[in-house]
Amino acid sequence: MNAVGWLREKLKIKRSLSVSDAVESLLKVYAQIQTYSQTQVHRVPISLWREYESIDIIIRAGLGSVRSIGQQLHEAGGRERMSEAYSEFVRRTMVVGAPHHLKEMWDGIGEWTARD
């Protein structure tokens, strides 16, 4: 398979991201970040998680995953698919402040805005 074929296959995988898989991934990322931040000497509140320059590399990696999931959902079904995943995430998350944070992290992906 040439490079173009390989890239097409990768894009197909991204486009097929299901809402349930996306939500499971988001739940894991937020739980891991919360657990990690609570074990540090200086706990990092969720309100500061987006401040990339002031947080640990592990938290930054988790936040990169959150944006990537949003982008994959958008590629798979636009704002509608992102909204489905967001609604399911809100119902299932146990991390206080995570829904609001997720809205902010997805701001600017396609038609998604944090103000909605």
Protein backbone atom coordinates (compact mmCIF):
# COMPACT_ATOMS: atom_id res chain seq x y z
CA MET A 1 0.00 0.00 0.00
CA ASN A 2 1.37 3.40 -0.94
CA ALA A 3 1.40 6.48 1.31
CA VAL A 4 -1.88 7.85 -0.10
CA GLY A 5 -3.66 4.53 0.48
CA TRP A 6 -2.27 4.35 4.00
CA LEU A 7 -3.49 7.87 4.76
CA ARG A 8 -6.96 7.08 3.37
CA GLU A 9 -7.16 4.04 5.63
CA LYS A 10 -6.19 6.13 8.65
CA LEU A 11 -8.84 8.70 7.81
CA LYS A 12 -11.47 5.96 7.53
CA ILE A 13 -10.59 4.82 11.02
CA LYS A 14 -10.96 8.34 12.34
CA ARG A 15 -14.27 8.87 10.59
CA SER A 16 -15.66 5.68 12.07
CA LEU A 17 -15.18 6.80 15.68
CA SER A 18 -18.42 5.95 17.42
CA VAL A 19 -20.06 8.17 20.00
CA SER A 20 -19.80 5.42 22.63
CA ASP A 21 -16.07 4.89 21.96
CA ALA A 22 -15.46 8.63 22.11
CA VAL A 23 -17.34 8.97 25.41
CA GLU A 24 -15.47 6.01 26.93
CA SER A 25 -12.17 7.61 25.93
CA LEU A 26 -13.18 11.01 27.30
CA LEU A 27 -14.31 9.49 30.61
CA LYS A 28 -10.97 7.71 30.97
CA VAL A 29 -8.93 10.78 30.09
CA TYR A 30 -10.75 13.04 32.55
CA ALA A 31 -10.64 10.42 35.33
CA GLN A 32 -6.91 9.87 34.80
CA ILE A 33 -6.14 13.58 34.73
CA GLN A 34 -8.20 14.17 37.86
CA THR A 35 -6.53 11.27 39.70
CA TYR A 36 -3.09 12.41 38.61
CA SER A 37 -3.67 16.05 39.54
CA GLN A 38 -4.99 15.09 42.99
CA THR A 39 -1.86 13.08 43.78
CA GLN A 40 0.48 16.00 43.18
CA VAL A 41 1.85 18.17 45.99
CA HIS A 42 0.26 21.19 44.34
CA ARG A 43 -3.15 20.04 43.18
CA VAL A 44 -4.23 21.37 39.83
CA PRO A 45 -7.89 22.46 39.76
CA ILE A 46 -9.87 21.71 36.61
CA SER A 47 -10.22 25.44 35.92
CA LEU A 48 -6.47 25.58 35.18
CA TRP A 49 -6.20 22.47 33.02
CA ARG A 50 -6.35 24.51 29.82
CA GLU A 51 -3.39 26.66 30.85
CA TYR A 52 -0.87 24.53 28.98
CA GLU A 53 2.21 26.39 30.15
CA SER A 54 1.33 25.96 33.83
CA ILE A 55 0.55 22.25 33.96
CA ASP A 56 2.38 18.97 33.86
CA ILE A 57 3.11 17.12 30.62
CA ILE A 58 0.79 14.24 31.60
CA ILE A 59 -2.16 16.64 31.86
CA ARG A 60 -1.17 18.29 28.56
CA ALA A 61 -1.14 14.90 26.85
CA GLY A 62 -4.64 14.17 28.17
CA LEU A 63 -5.90 17.52 26.92
CA GLY A 64 -4.45 16.81 23.49
CA SER A 65 -6.47 13.60 23.45
CA VAL A 66 -9.65 15.52 24.31
CA ARG A 67 -9.16 17.86 21.32
CA SER A 68 -8.29 14.96 19.05
CA ILE A 69 -11.47 13.10 20.00
CA GLY A 70 -13.50 16.22 19.23
CA GLN A 71 -11.83 16.56 15.84
CA GLN A 72 -12.47 12.91 15.03
CA LEU A 73 -16.12 13.21 16.01
CA HIS A 74 -16.45 16.29 13.82
CA GLU A 75 -14.91 14.49 10.86
CA ALA A 76 -17.28 11.57 11.43
CA GLY A 77 -20.50 13.53 11.71
CA GLY A 78 -19.99 17.21 12.34
CA ARG A 79 -21.43 19.19 15.19
CA GLU A 80 -24.35 16.76 15.55
CA ARG A 81 -22.03 13.87 16.39
CA MET A 82 -20.06 16.03 18.79
CA SER A 83 -23.30 17.05 20.51
CA GLU A 84 -24.35 13.42 20.89
CA ALA A 85 -21.03 12.57 22.53
CA TYR A 86 -21.13 15.67 24.73
CA SER A 87 -24.64 14.85 25.99
CA GLU A 88 -23.64 11.28 26.80
CA PHE A 89 -20.45 12.50 28.51
CA VAL A 90 -22.45 14.93 30.67
CA ARG A 91 -24.74 12.08 31.78
CA ARG A 92 -21.87 9.79 32.69
CA THR A 93 -18.95 11.84 34.00
CA MET A 94 -18.15 11.96 37.70
CA VAL A 95 -15.53 14.71 37.35
CA VAL A 96 -16.89 18.00 38.67
CA GLY A 97 -16.49 20.75 36.09
CA ALA A 98 -15.57 18.38 33.26
CA PRO A 99 -18.61 19.13 31.03
CA HIS A 100 -17.87 22.86 31.02
CA HIS A 101 -14.20 22.17 30.46
CA LEU A 102 -14.94 19.84 27.55
CA LYS A 103 -17.04 22.55 25.88
CA GLU A 104 -14.08 24.91 26.12
CA MET A 105 -11.59 22.33 24.84
CA TRP A 106 -13.73 21.67 21.76
CA ASP A 107 -14.24 25.38 21.06
CA GLY A 108 -13.36 26.11 17.44
CA ILE A 109 -13.60 22.54 16.17
CA GLY A 110 -15.91 22.87 13.19
CA GLU A 111 -19.03 24.76 14.25
CA TRP A 112 -18.58 23.96 17.96
CA THR A 113 -18.45 26.94 20.31
CA ALA A 114 -18.05 27.01 24.07
CA ARG A 115 -20.90 29.52 24.30
CA ASP A 116 -23.57 26.99 23.25
